[in-house]
């Protein structure tokens, strides 16, 4: 019975960790995209001749910014489906 209680505790904390990973990753990415878009529009309005160069750099940064929640989702899926902490309970 002791092992089942520990398993339930680990699962509870895993669910909390997964929700924080996905939720905070999405929140941070949304804020980052808002700042990125605002700065792009500001730079394009100030110097319209630089718009193509700014747009290229904006898309590069947007791609890097998208990587953050993708990594969070990958770690969350690892914790949900192949939790390494379950193996520690048996040892």
PDB file of N, CA and C in Angstrom:
ATOM      1  N   UNK A   1       0.829  -1.202   0.000  1.00  0.00           N
ATOM      2  CA  UNK A   1       0.000   0.000   0.000  1.00  0.00           C
ATOM      3  C   UNK A   1       0.863   1.250   0.000  1.00  0.00           C
ATOM      4  N   UNK A   2       2.013   1.157   0.632  1.00  0.00           N
ATOM      5  CA  UNK A   2       2.936   2.287   0.698  1.00  0.00           C
ATOM      6  C   UNK A   2       3.386   2.711  -0.697  1.00  0.00           C
ATOM      7  N   UNK A   3       3.664   1.717  -1.550  1.00  0.00           N
ATOM      8  CA  UNK A   3       4.130   1.993  -2.895  1.00  0.00           C
ATOM      9  C   UNK A   3       3.041   2.660  -3.739  1.00  0.00           C
ATOM     10  N   UNK A   4       1.795   2.250  -3.544  1.00  0.00           N
ATOM     11  CA  UNK A   4       0.685   2.848  -4.287  1.00  0.00           C
ATOM     12  C   UNK A   4       0.484   4.314  -3.885  1.00  0.00           C
ATOM     13  N   UNK A   5       0.664   4.605  -2.612  1.00  0.00           N
ATOM     14  CA  UNK A   5       0.528   5.992  -2.157  1.00  0.00           C
ATOM     15  C   UNK A   5       1.641   6.861  -2.730  1.00  0.00           C
ATOM     16  N   UNK A   6       2.859   6.327  -2.772  1.00  0.00           N
ATOM     17  CA  UNK A   6       3.966   7.069  -3.364  1.00  0.00           C
ATOM     18  C   UNK A   6       3.751   7.284  -4.857  1.00  0.00           C
ATOM     19  N   UNK A   7       3.210   6.272  -5.531  1.00  0.00           N
ATOM     20  CA  UNK A   7       2.919   6.381  -6.954  1.00  0.00           C
ATOM     21  C   UNK A   7       1.883   7.475  -7.215  1.00  0.00           C
ATOM     22  N   UNK A   8       0.873   7.548  -6.365  1.00  0.00           N
ATOM     23  CA  UNK A   8      -0.148   8.589  -6.504  1.00  0.00           C
ATOM     24  C   UNK A   8       0.444   9.974  -6.271  1.00  0.00           C
ATOM     25  N   UNK A   9       1.334  10.099  -5.310  1.00  0.00           N
ATOM     26  CA  UNK A   9       1.980  11.389  -5.040  1.00  0.00           C
ATOM     27  C   UNK A   9       2.843  11.834  -6.219  1.00  0.00           C
ATOM     28  N   UNK A  10       3.601  10.888  -6.762  1.00  0.00           N
ATOM     29  CA  UNK A  10       4.443  11.221  -7.915  1.00  0.00           C
ATOM     30  C   UNK A  10       3.577  11.636  -9.092  1.00  0.00           C
ATOM     31  N   UNK A  11       2.463  10.945  -9.299  1.00  0.00           N
ATOM     32  CA  UNK A  11       1.571  11.286 -10.403  1.00  0.00           C
ATOM     33  C   UNK A  11       0.952  12.664 -10.205  1.00  0.00           C
ATOM     34  N   UNK A  12       0.596  13.009  -8.962  1.00  0.00           N
ATOM     35  CA  UNK A  12       0.036  14.335  -8.683  1.00  0.00           C
ATOM     36  C   UNK A  12       1.030  15.435  -9.042  1.00  0.00           C
ATOM     37  N   UNK A  13       2.258  15.264  -8.583  1.00  0.00           N
ATOM     38  CA  UNK A  13       3.268  16.277  -8.853  1.00  0.00           C
ATOM     39  C   UNK A  13       3.661  16.313 -10.327  1.00  0.00           C
ATOM     40  N   UNK A  14       3.559  15.174 -11.001  1.00  0.00           N
ATOM     41  CA  UNK A  14       3.829  15.133 -12.431  1.00  0.00           C
ATOM     42  C   UNK A  14       2.786  15.941 -13.195  1.00  0.00           C
ATOM     43  N   UNK A  15       1.531  15.806 -12.814  1.00  0.00           N
ATOM     44  CA  UNK A  15       0.464  16.564 -13.472  1.00  0.00           C
ATOM     45  C   UNK A  15       0.666  18.069 -13.249  1.00  0.00           C
ATOM     46  N   UNK A  16       1.052  18.450 -12.055  1.00  0.00           N
ATOM     47  CA  UNK A  16       1.315  19.866 -11.771  1.00  0.00           C
ATOM     48  C   UNK A  16       2.500  20.364 -12.610  1.00  0.00           C
ATOM     49  N   UNK A  17       3.562  19.570 -12.685  1.00  0.00           N
ATOM     50  CA  UNK A  17       4.747  19.962 -13.457  1.00  0.00           C
ATOM     51  C   UNK A  17       4.423  20.086 -14.942  1.00  0.00           C
ATOM     52  N   UNK A  18       3.645  19.154 -15.470  1.00  0.00           N
ATOM     53  CA  UNK A  18       3.286  19.194 -16.883  1.00  0.00           C
ATOM     54  C   UNK A  18       2.428  20.414 -17.185  1.00  0.00           C
ATOM     55  N   UNK A  19       1.481  20.709 -16.323  1.00  0.00           N
ATOM     56  CA  UNK A  19       0.625  21.872 -16.570  1.00  0.00           C
ATOM     57  C   UNK A  19       1.428  23.169 -16.489  1.00  0.00           C
ATOM     58  N   UNK A  20       2.382  23.246 -15.572  1.00  0.00           N
ATOM     59  CA  UNK A  20       3.231  24.437 -15.499  1.00  0.00           C
ATOM     60  C   UNK A  20       4.139  24.553 -16.720  1.00  0.00           C
ATOM     61  N   UNK A  21       4.693  23.441 -17.168  1.00  0.00           N
ATOM     62  CA  UNK A  21       5.555  23.462 -18.347  1.00  0.00           C
ATOM     63  C   UNK A  21       4.818  23.986 -19.570  1.00  0.00           C
ATOM     64  N   UNK A  22       3.654  23.444 -19.818  1.00  0.00           N
ATOM     65  CA  UNK A  22       2.908  23.835 -21.014  1.00  0.00           C
ATOM     66  C   UNK A  22       2.311  25.236 -20.853  1.00  0.00           C
ATOM     67  N   UNK A  23       1.721  25.513 -19.706  1.00  0.00           N
ATOM     68  CA  UNK A  23       1.072  26.811 -19.505  1.00  0.00           C
ATOM     69  C   UNK A  23       2.039  27.981 -19.491  1.00  0.00           C
ATOM     70  N   UNK A  24       3.118  27.860 -18.738  1.00  0.00           N
ATOM     71  CA  UNK A  24       4.079  28.966 -18.675  1.00  0.00           C
ATOM     72  C   UNK A  24       4.858  29.110 -19.977  1.00  0.00           C
ATOM     73  N   UNK A  25       5.092  27.990 -20.665  1.00  0.00           N
ATOM     74  CA  UNK A  25       5.730  28.077 -21.979  1.00  0.00           C
ATOM     75  C   UNK A  25       4.862  28.815 -22.976  1.00  0.00           C
ATOM     76  N   UNK A  26       3.567  28.531 -22.972  1.00  0.00           N
ATOM     77  CA  UNK A  26       2.650  29.224 -23.873  1.00  0.00           C
ATOM     78  C   UNK A  26       2.522  30.698 -23.504  1.00  0.00           C
ATOM     79  N   UNK A  27       2.464  30.987 -22.215  1.00  0.00           N
ATOM     80  CA  UNK A  27       2.363  32.376 -21.773  1.00  0.00           C
ATOM     81  C   UNK A  27       3.605  33.174 -22.169  1.00  0.00           C
ATOM     82  N   UNK A  28       4.765  32.610 -21.927  1.00  0.00           N
ATOM     83  CA  UNK A  28       6.009  33.290 -22.280  1.00  0.00           C
ATOM     84  C   UNK A  28       6.145  33.507 -23.779  1.00  0.00           C
ATOM     85  N   UNK A  29       5.736  32.520 -24.557  1.00  0.00           N
ATOM     86  CA  UNK A  29       5.805  32.660 -26.006  1.00  0.00           C
ATOM     87  C   UNK A  29       4.828  33.714 -26.505  1.00  0.00           C
ATOM     88  N   UNK A  30       3.646  33.753 -25.922  1.00  0.00           N
ATOM     89  CA  UNK A  30       2.679  34.783 -26.315  1.00  0.00           C
ATOM     90  C   UNK A  30       3.186  36.181 -26.016  1.00  0.00           C
ATOM     91  N   UNK A  31       3.771  36.364 -24.859  1.00  0.00           N
ATOM     92  CA  UNK A  31       4.338  37.668 -24.511  1.00  0.00           C
ATOM     93  C   UNK A  31       5.501  38.002 -25.432  1.00  0.00           C
ATOM     94  N   UNK A  32       6.340  37.000 -25.722  1.00  0.00           N
ATOM     95  CA  UNK A  32       7.475  37.220 -26.612  1.00  0.00           C
ATOM     96  C   UNK A  32       7.048  37.612 -28.017  1.00  0.00           C
ATOM     97  N   UNK A  33       6.021  36.950 -28.546  1.00  0.00           N
ATOM     98  CA  UNK A  33       5.528  37.305 -29.871  1.00  0.00           C
ATOM     99  C   UNK A  33       4.915  38.701 -29.887  1.00  0.00           C
ATOM    100  N   UNK A  34       4.245  39.063 -28.816  1.00  0.00           N
ATOM    101  CA  UNK A  34       3.660  40.411 -28.749  1.00  0.00           C
ATOM    102  C   UNK A  34       4.759  41.468 -28.765  1.00  0.00           C
ATOM    103  N   UNK A  35       5.800  41.265 -27.987  1.00  0.00           N
ATOM    104  CA  UNK A  35       6.915  42.220 -27.962  1.00  0.00           C
ATOM    105  C   UNK A  35       7.619  42.241 -29.318  1.00  0.00           C
ATOM    106  N   UNK A  36       7.843  41.062 -29.903  1.00  0.00           N
ATOM    107  CA  UNK A  36       8.523  40.970 -31.185  1.00  0.00           C
ATOM    108  C   UNK A  36       7.739  41.688 -32.285  1.00  0.00           C
ATOM    109  N   UNK A  37       6.447  41.449 -32.341  1.00  0.00           N
ATOM    110  CA  UNK A  37       5.618  42.105 -33.355  1.00  0.00           C
ATOM    111  C   UNK A  37       5.560  43.609 -33.166  1.00  0.00           C
ATOM    112  N   UNK A  38       5.457  44.050 -31.919  1.00  0.00           N
ATOM    113  CA  UNK A  38       5.421  45.488 -31.650  1.00  0.00           C
ATOM    114  C   UNK A  38       6.709  46.177 -32.042  1.00  0.00           C
ATOM    115  N   UNK A  39       7.836  45.556 -31.713  1.00  0.00           N
ATOM    116  CA  UNK A  39       9.128  46.149 -32.072  1.00  0.00           C
ATOM    117  C   UNK A  39       9.343  46.133 -33.586  1.00  0.00           C
ATOM    118  N   UNK A  40       8.850  45.096 -34.265  1.00  0.00           N
ATOM    119  CA  UNK A  40       8.961  45.054 -35.722  1.00  0.00           C
ATOM    120  C   UNK A  40       8.155  46.187 -36.354  1.00  0.00           C
ATOM    121  N   UNK A  41       6.935  46.362 -35.889  1.00  0.00           N
ATOM    122  CA  UNK A  41       6.111  47.444 -36.440  1.00  0.00           C
ATOM    123  C   UNK A  41       6.709  48.815 -36.139  1.00  0.00           C
ATOM    124  N   UNK A  42       7.258  48.962 -34.957  1.00  0.00           N
ATOM    125  CA  UNK A  42       7.899  50.223 -34.589  1.00  0.00           C
ATOM    126  C   UNK A  42       9.116  50.500 -35.470  1.00  0.00           C
ATOM    127  N   UNK A  43       9.927  49.486 -35.686  1.00  0.00           N
ATOM    128  CA  UNK A  43      11.108  49.663 -36.535  1.00  0.00           C
ATOM    129  C   UNK A  43      10.740  49.919 -37.984  1.00  0.00           C
ATOM    130  N   UNK A  44       9.686  49.255 -38.475  1.00  0.00           N
ATOM    131  CA  UNK A  44       9.245  49.473 -39.848  1.00  0.00           C
ATOM    132  C   UNK A  44       8.642  50.864 -40.028  1.00  0.00           C
ATOM    133  N   UNK A  45       7.979  51.354 -39.015  1.00  0.00           N
ATOM    134  CA  UNK A  45       7.390  52.692 -39.104  1.00  0.00           C
ATOM    135  C   UNK A  45       8.472  53.771 -39.070  1.00  0.00           C
ATOM    136  N   UNK A  46       9.529  53.527 -38.313  1.00  0.00           N
ATOM    137  CA  UNK A  46      10.605  54.520 -38.210  1.00  0.00           C
ATOM    138  C   UNK A  46      11.460  54.562 -39.479  1.00  0.00           C
ATOM    139  N   UNK A  47      11.782  53.379 -40.017  1.00  0.00           N
ATOM    140  CA  UNK A  47      12.622  53.311 -41.212  1.00  0.00           C
ATOM    141  C   UNK A  47      12.030  52.288 -42.182  1.00  0.00           C
ATOM    142  N   UNK A  48      11.106  52.730 -43.032  1.00  0.00           N
ATOM    143  CA  UNK A  48      10.424  51.796 -43.944  1.00  0.00           C
ATOM    144  C   UNK A  48      11.368  51.090 -44.931  1.00  0.00           C
ATOM    145  N   UNK A  49      12.499  51.702 -45.236  1.00  0.00           N
ATOM    146  CA  UNK A  49      13.413  51.071 -46.194  1.00  0.00           C
ATOM    147  C   UNK A  49      14.100  49.832 -45.614  1.00  0.00           C
ATOM    148  N   UNK A  50      14.089  49.681 -44.308  1.00  0.00           N
ATOM    149  CA  UNK A  50      14.700  48.516 -43.666  1.00  0.00           C
ATOM    150  C   UNK A  50      13.705  47.382 -43.407  1.00  0.00           C
ATOM    151  N   UNK A  51      12.479  47.537 -43.853  1.00  0.00           N
ATOM    152  CA  UNK A  51      11.439  46.547 -43.560  1.00  0.00           C
ATOM    153  C   UNK A  51      11.798  45.133 -44.020  1.00  0.00           C
ATOM    154  N   UNK A  52      12.319  44.929 -45.249  1.00  0.00           N
ATOM    155  CA  UNK A  52      12.654  43.544 -45.637  1.00  0.00           C
ATOM    156  C   UNK A  52      13.711  42.896 -44.731  1.00  0.00           C
ATOM    157  N   UNK A  53      14.722  43.661 -44.349  1.00  0.00           N
ATOM    158  CA  UNK A  53      15.761  43.116 -43.473  1.00  0.00           C
ATOM    159  C   UNK A  53      15.186  42.823 -42.079  1.00  0.00           C
ATOM    160  N   UNK A  54      14.366  43.736 -41.574  1.00  0.00           N
ATOM    161  CA  UNK A  54      13.749  43.527 -40.260  1.00  0.00           C
ATOM    162  C   UNK A  54      12.800  42.340 -40.274  1.00  0.00           C
ATOM    163  N   UNK A  55      12.093  42.172 -41.390  1.00  0.00           N
ATOM    164  CA  UNK A  55      11.143  41.070 -41.484  1.00  0.00           C
ATOM    165  C   UNK A  55      11.876  39.726 -41.470  1.00  0.00           C
ATOM    166  N   UNK A  56      13.000  39.655 -42.178  1.00  0.00           N
ATOM    167  CA  UNK A  56      13.787  38.420 -42.180  1.00  0.00           C
ATOM    168  C   UNK A  56      14.265  38.084 -40.773  1.00  0.00           C
ATOM    169  N   UNK A  57      14.788  39.073 -40.092  1.00  0.00           N
ATOM    170  CA  UNK A  57      15.279  38.840 -38.729  1.00  0.00           C
ATOM    171  C   UNK A  57      14.133  38.511 -37.778  1.00  0.00           C
ATOM    172  N   UNK A  58      12.966  39.129 -38.010  1.00  0.00           N
ATOM    173  CA  UNK A  58      11.815  38.843 -37.157  1.00  0.00           C
ATOM    174  C   UNK A  58      11.393  37.380 -37.294  1.00  0.00           C
ATOM    175  N   UNK A  59      11.406  36.859 -38.538  1.00  0.00           N
ATOM    176  CA  UNK A  59      11.008  35.465 -38.731  1.00  0.00           C
ATOM    177  C   UNK A  59      12.024  34.498 -38.142  1.00  0.00           C
ATOM    178  N   UNK A  60      13.300  34.853 -38.170  1.00  0.00           N
ATOM    179  CA  UNK A  60      14.319  34.001 -37.543  1.00  0.00           C
ATOM    180  C   UNK A  60      14.096  33.948 -36.029  1.00  0.00           C
ATOM    181  N   UNK A  61      13.863  35.107 -35.430  1.00  0.00           N
ATOM    182  CA  UNK A  61      13.631  35.147 -33.981  1.00  0.00           C
ATOM    183  C   UNK A  61      12.314  34.459 -33.632  1.00  0.00           C
ATOM    184  N   UNK A  62      11.299  34.582 -34.489  1.00  0.00           N
ATOM    185  CA  UNK A  62      10.024  33.910 -34.239  1.00  0.00           C
ATOM    186  C   UNK A  62      10.196  32.390 -34.250  1.00  0.00           C
ATOM    187  N   UNK A  63      11.040  31.899 -35.156  1.00  0.00           N
ATOM    188  CA  UNK A  63      11.314  30.459 -35.184  1.00  0.00           C
ATOM    189  C   UNK A  63      12.014  29.993 -33.924  1.00  0.00           C
ATOM    190  N   UNK A  64      12.963  30.784 -33.450  1.00  0.00           N
ATOM    191  CA  UNK A  64      13.647  30.438 -32.204  1.00  0.00           C
ATOM    192  C   UNK A  64      12.701  30.531 -31.013  1.00  0.00           C
ATOM    193  N   UNK A  65      11.814  31.507 -31.067  1.00  0.00           N
ATOM    194  CA  UNK A  65      10.847  31.697 -29.985  1.00  0.00           C
ATOM    195  C   UNK A  65       9.849  30.543 -29.936  1.00  0.00           C
ATOM    196  N   UNK A  66       9.536  29.974 -31.096  1.00  0.00           N
ATOM    197  CA  UNK A  66       8.626  28.823 -31.136  1.00  0.00           C
ATOM    198  C   UNK A  66       9.260  27.563 -30.560  1.00  0.00           C
ATOM    199  N   UNK A  67      10.569  27.518 -30.516  1.00  0.00           N
ATOM    200  CA  UNK A  67      11.241  26.316 -30.019  1.00  0.00           C
ATOM    201  C   UNK A  67      11.026  26.128 -28.522  1.00  0.00           C
ATOM    202  N   UNK A  68      10.837  27.207 -27.789  1.00  0.00           N
ATOM    203  CA  UNK A  68      10.707  27.116 -26.327  1.00  0.00           C
ATOM    204  C   UNK A  68       9.485  26.284 -25.914  1.00  0.00           C
ATOM    205  N   UNK A  69       8.276  26.569 -26.410  1.00  0.00           N
ATOM    206  CA  UNK A  69       7.148  25.719 -25.990  1.00  0.00           C
ATOM    207  C   UNK A  69       7.217  24.309 -26.562  1.00  0.00           C
ATOM    208  N   UNK A  70       7.868  24.143 -27.720  1.00  0.00           N
ATOM    209  CA  UNK A  70       8.011  22.795 -28.283  1.00  0.00           C
ATOM    210  C   UNK A  70       8.865  21.921 -27.360  1.00  0.00           C
ATOM    211  N   UNK A  71       9.938  22.489 -26.834  1.00  0.00           N
ATOM    212  CA  UNK A  71      10.774  21.741 -25.898  1.00  0.00           C
ATOM    213  C   UNK A  71       9.994  21.444 -24.620  1.00  0.00           C
ATOM    214  N   UNK A  72       9.200  22.412 -24.160  1.00  0.00           N
ATOM    215  CA  UNK A  72       8.367  22.195 -22.975  1.00  0.00           C
ATOM    216  C   UNK A  72       7.347  21.091 -23.180  1.00  0.00           C
ATOM    217  N   UNK A  73       6.740  21.041 -24.349  1.00  0.00           N
ATOM    218  CA  UNK A  73       5.769  19.989 -24.651  1.00  0.00           C
ATOM    219  C   UNK A  73       6.466  18.633 -24.725  1.00  0.00           C
ATOM    220  N   UNK A  74       7.671  18.590 -25.290  1.00  0.00           N
ATOM    221  CA  UNK A  74       8.405  17.326 -25.363  1.00  0.00           C
ATOM    222  C   UNK A  74       8.749  16.812 -23.967  1.00  0.00           C
ATOM    223  N   UNK A  75       9.189  17.698 -23.097  1.00  0.00           N
ATOM    224  CA  UNK A  75       9.498  17.274 -21.726  1.00  0.00           C
ATOM    225  C   UNK A  75       8.222  16.847 -20.997  1.00  0.00           C
ATOM    226  N   UNK A  76       7.124  17.575 -21.239  1.00  0.00           N
ATOM    227  CA  UNK A  76       5.855  17.212 -20.612  1.00  0.00           C
ATOM    228  C   UNK A  76       5.390  15.833 -21.073  1.00  0.00           C
ATOM    229  N   UNK A  77       5.522  15.551 -22.372  1.00  0.00           N
ATOM    230  CA  UNK A  77       5.131  14.230 -22.871  1.00  0.00           C
ATOM    231  C   UNK A  77       6.019  13.142 -22.284  1.00  0.00           C
ATOM    232  N   UNK A  78       7.292  13.434 -22.118  1.00  0.00           N
ATOM    233  CA  UNK A  78       8.196  12.471 -21.478  1.00  0.00           C
ATOM    234  C   UNK A  78       7.727  12.170 -20.063  1.00  0.00           C
ATOM    235  N   UNK A  79       7.378  13.211 -19.316  1.00  0.00           N
ATOM    236  CA  UNK A  79       6.951  13.008 -17.931  1.00  0.00           C
ATOM    237  C   UNK A  79       5.622  12.268 -17.838  1.00  0.00           C
ATOM    238  N   UNK A  80       4.740  12.493 -18.804  1.00  0.00           N
ATOM    239  CA  UNK A  80       3.431  11.835 -18.750  1.00  0.00           C
ATOM    240  C   UNK A  80       3.530  10.363 -19.149  1.00  0.00           C
ATOM    241  N   UNK A  81       4.250  10.076 -20.242  1.00  0.00           N
ATOM    242  CA  UNK A  81       4.219   8.718 -20.784  1.00  0.00           C
ATOM    243  C   UNK A  81       5.410   7.848 -20.388  1.00  0.00           C
ATOM    244  N   UNK A  82       6.536   8.432 -20.030  1.00  0.00           N
ATOM    245  CA  UNK A  82       7.709   7.637 -19.650  1.00  0.00           C
ATOM    246  C   UNK A  82       8.382   8.296 -18.457  1.00  0.00           C
ATOM    247  N   UNK A  83       7.637   8.413 -17.375  1.00  0.00           N
ATOM    248  CA  UNK A  83       8.117   9.137 -16.217  1.00  0.00           C
ATOM    249  C   UNK A  83       9.319   8.412 -15.588  1.00  0.00           C
ATOM    250  N   UNK A  84      10.482   9.057 -15.528  1.00  0.00           N
ATOM    251  CA  UNK A  84      11.639   8.395 -14.951  1.00  0.00           C
ATOM    252  C   UNK A  84      11.553   8.247 -13.423  1.00  0.00           C
ATOM    253  N   UNK A  85      10.670   8.984 -12.804  1.00  0.00           N
ATOM    254  CA  UNK A  85      10.548   8.911 -11.346  1.00  0.00           C
ATOM    255  C   UNK A  85       9.791   7.664 -10.887  1.00  0.00           C
ATOM    256  N   UNK A  86       9.006   7.052 -11.773  1.00  0.00           N
ATOM    257  CA  UNK A  86       8.318   5.815 -11.416  1.00  0.00           C
ATOM    258  C   UNK A  86       9.319   4.687 -11.190  1.00  0.00           C
ATOM    259  N   UNK A  87      10.410   4.684 -11.955  1.00  0.00           N
ATOM    260  CA  UNK A  87      11.424   3.647 -11.822  1.00  0.00           C
ATOM    261  C   UNK A  87      12.147   3.742 -10.479  1.00  0.00           C
ATOM    262  N   UNK A  88      12.237   4.924  -9.928  1.00  0.00           N
ATOM    263  CA  UNK A  88      12.907   5.105  -8.636  1.00  0.00           C
ATOM    264  C   UNK A  88      12.088   4.522  -7.491  1.00  0.00           C
ATOM    265  N   UNK A  89      10.790   4.407  -7.681  1.00  0.00           N
ATOM    266  CA  UNK A  89       9.951   3.874  -6.610  1.00  0.00           C
ATOM    267  C   UNK A  89      10.189   2.386  -6.388  1.00  0.00           C
ATOM    268  N   UNK A  90      10.511   1.681  -7.469  1.00  0.00           N
ATOM    269  CA  UNK A  90      10.750   0.248  -7.342  1.00  0.00           C
ATOM    270  C   UNK A  90      12.087  -0.089  -6.714  1.00  0.00           C
ATOM    271  N   UNK A  91      13.036   0.833  -6.815  1.00  0.00           N
ATOM    272  CA  UNK A  91      14.386   0.564  -6.289  1.00  0.00           C
ATOM    273  C   UNK A  91      14.455   0.740  -4.786  1.00  0.00           C
TER     274      UNK A  91
END
